[in-house]
Amino acid sequence: ASNIKVSSPGGTKISAKLGKRPVANDPGKIEKPGDENYLPPACVNIAPLEDTWEGVAVFDAVVSPPVGLVKNPVIVEVEKGRITKIS
């Protein structure tokens, strides 16, 4: 796929182009002191092209303690990879 689209019932509707960037593969292992990992472990990610983000991202929940929905969601509007409005 060369494009990514993300939508949610909360109002997120955002898209971007992936280009030909490499995919980062994290097997979720910590084997020696100094190794780091992310939560959730064992993930795969790719960074979309910065100036191709378009749409609205709604942040309506927290995934680190305390986990759950927030009272006042943060709405971020993006055009050509730049945030144009936060409400």
C-alpha atoms as a PDB file:
ATOM      1  CA  ALA A   1       0.000   0.000   0.000  1.00  0.00           C
ATOM      2  CA  SER A   2       1.220   3.505  -0.722  1.00  0.00           C
ATOM      3  CA  ASN A   3      -1.370   5.365   1.373  1.00  0.00           C
ATOM      4  CA  ILE A   4      -2.645   5.135   4.918  1.00  0.00           C
ATOM      5  CA  LYS A   5      -6.078   6.200   6.150  1.00  0.00           C
ATOM      6  CA  VAL A   6      -7.148   6.199   9.793  1.00  0.00           C
ATOM      7  CA  SER A   7     -10.685   6.824  11.012  1.00  0.00           C
ATOM      8  CA  SER A   8     -12.535   6.333  14.279  1.00  0.00           C
ATOM      9  CA  PRO A   9     -16.026   6.710  15.748  1.00  0.00           C
ATOM     10  CA  GLY A  10     -14.646   9.637  17.786  1.00  0.00           C
ATOM     11  CA  GLY A  11     -14.104  11.720  14.663  1.00  0.00           C
ATOM     12  CA  THR A  12     -10.576  10.946  13.492  1.00  0.00           C
ATOM     13  CA  LYS A  13     -10.312  10.976   9.712  1.00  0.00           C
ATOM     14  CA  ILE A  14      -6.733  11.445   8.553  1.00  0.00           C
ATOM     15  CA  SER A  15      -4.586  10.188   5.682  1.00  0.00           C
ATOM     16  CA  ALA A  16      -0.980  10.259   4.469  1.00  0.00           C
ATOM     17  CA  LYS A  17       1.303   8.735   1.833  1.00  0.00           C
ATOM     18  CA  LEU A  18       3.870   6.126   2.831  1.00  0.00           C
ATOM     19  CA  GLY A  19       6.423   6.610   0.079  1.00  0.00           C
ATOM     20  CA  LYS A  20       9.234   4.045  -0.013  1.00  0.00           C
ATOM     21  CA  ARG A  21      10.486   4.312   3.549  1.00  0.00           C
ATOM     22  CA  PRO A  22      11.738   1.197   5.315  1.00  0.00           C
ATOM     23  CA  VAL A  23       9.535  -0.654   7.768  1.00  0.00           C
ATOM     24  CA  ALA A  24      10.850  -0.818  11.355  1.00  0.00           C
ATOM     25  CA  ASN A  25      10.440  -4.265  12.888  1.00  0.00           C
ATOM     26  CA  ASP A  26      10.588  -4.578  16.700  1.00  0.00           C
ATOM     27  CA  PRO A  27      10.458  -8.204  17.891  1.00  0.00           C
ATOM     28  CA  GLY A  28       9.684  -7.123  21.469  1.00  0.00           C
ATOM     29  CA  LYS A  29      12.839  -8.555  23.047  1.00  0.00           C
ATOM     30  CA  ILE A  30      15.021  -7.046  25.750  1.00  0.00           C
ATOM     31  CA  GLU A  31      18.126  -9.219  25.974  1.00  0.00           C
ATOM     32  CA  LYS A  32      20.831  -7.163  27.702  1.00  0.00           C
ATOM     33  CA  PRO A  33      21.208  -4.115  29.947  1.00  0.00           C
ATOM     34  CA  GLY A  34      20.660  -0.926  27.976  1.00  0.00           C
ATOM     35  CA  ASP A  35      18.213  -2.460  25.487  1.00  0.00           C
ATOM     36  CA  GLU A  36      14.972  -0.546  25.124  1.00  0.00           C
ATOM     37  CA  ASN A  37      11.512  -1.419  23.960  1.00  0.00           C
ATOM     38  CA  TYR A  38       8.117   0.159  23.532  1.00  0.00           C
ATOM     39  CA  LEU A  39       4.627  -0.707  24.617  1.00  0.00           C
ATOM     40  CA  PRO A  40       3.058  -2.698  23.262  1.00  0.00           C
ATOM     41  CA  PRO A  41       6.097  -4.852  22.499  1.00  0.00           C
ATOM     42  CA  ALA A  42       6.533  -6.638  19.176  1.00  0.00           C
ATOM     43  CA  CYS A  43       5.321  -3.948  16.803  1.00  0.00           C
ATOM     44  CA  VAL A  44       5.907  -2.936  13.204  1.00  0.00           C
ATOM     45  CA  ASN A  45       5.871   0.703  12.117  1.00  0.00           C
ATOM     46  CA  ILE A  46       6.583   3.014   9.208  1.00  0.00           C
ATOM     47  CA  ALA A  47       6.794   6.814   9.090  1.00  0.00           C
ATOM     48  CA  PRO A  48       4.565   8.433   6.459  1.00  0.00           C
ATOM     49  CA  LEU A  49       5.885  11.319   4.358  1.00  0.00           C
ATOM     50  CA  GLU A  50       5.655  14.391   6.578  1.00  0.00           C
ATOM     51  CA  ASP A  51       4.036  16.845   4.148  1.00  0.00           C
ATOM     52  CA  THR A  52       1.288  14.428   3.071  1.00  0.00           C
ATOM     53  CA  TRP A  53      -0.760  14.301   6.300  1.00  0.00           C
ATOM     54  CA  GLU A  54      -4.306  15.621   5.726  1.00  0.00           C
ATOM     55  CA  GLY A  55      -7.353  15.575   7.968  1.00  0.00           C
ATOM     56  CA  VAL A  56      -8.444  15.577  11.589  1.00  0.00           C
ATOM     57  CA  ALA A  57      -7.066  13.536  14.511  1.00  0.00           C
ATOM     58  CA  VAL A  58      -9.195  13.309  17.657  1.00  0.00           C
ATOM     59  CA  PHE A  59      -7.384  12.329  20.863  1.00  0.00           C
ATOM     60  CA  ASP A  60     -10.148  11.080  23.139  1.00  0.00           C
ATOM     61  CA  ALA A  61      -8.411   8.471  25.286  1.00  0.00           C
ATOM     62  CA  VAL A  62      -5.233   7.836  27.270  1.00  0.00           C
ATOM     63  CA  VAL A  63      -3.311   4.561  26.897  1.00  0.00           C
ATOM     64  CA  SER A  64      -0.943   5.015  29.853  1.00  0.00           C
ATOM     65  CA  PRO A  65      -2.152   5.129  33.468  1.00  0.00           C
ATOM     66  CA  PRO A  66      -4.741   6.256  34.160  1.00  0.00           C
ATOM     67  CA  VAL A  67      -6.153   4.473  31.091  1.00  0.00           C
ATOM     68  CA  GLY A  68      -9.498   5.584  29.696  1.00  0.00           C
ATOM     69  CA  LEU A  69     -11.493   8.244  27.908  1.00  0.00           C
ATOM     70  CA  VAL A  70     -10.766  11.926  28.508  1.00  0.00           C
ATOM     71  CA  LYS A  71     -13.439  14.485  29.453  1.00  0.00           C
ATOM     72  CA  ASN A  72     -12.461  16.943  26.726  1.00  0.00           C
ATOM     73  CA  PRO A  73     -11.007  15.369  23.570  1.00  0.00           C
ATOM     74  CA  VAL A  74      -8.235  17.267  21.796  1.00  0.00           C
ATOM     75  CA  ILE A  75      -8.940  17.845  18.091  1.00  0.00           C
ATOM     76  CA  VAL A  76      -5.967  18.440  15.795  1.00  0.00           C
ATOM     77  CA  GLU A  77      -6.503  19.617  12.211  1.00  0.00           C
ATOM     78  CA  VAL A  78      -3.676  18.966   9.727  1.00  0.00           C
ATOM     79  CA  GLU A  79      -3.065  20.291   6.196  1.00  0.00           C
ATOM     80  CA  LYS A  80      -0.049  19.326   4.076  1.00  0.00           C
ATOM     81  CA  GLY A  81       1.655  17.838   7.121  1.00  0.00           C
ATOM     82  CA  ARG A  82       1.266  20.929   9.313  1.00  0.00           C
ATOM     83  CA  ILE A  83      -1.036  21.408  12.267  1.00  0.00           C
ATOM     84  CA  THR A  84      -3.417  24.229  11.405  1.00  0.00           C
ATOM     85  CA  LYS A  85      -5.686  24.139  14.454  1.00  0.00           C
ATOM     86  CA  ILE A  86      -5.870  22.565  17.915  1.00  0.00           C
ATOM     87  CA  SER A  87      -9.139  22.697  19.836  1.00  0.00           C
END
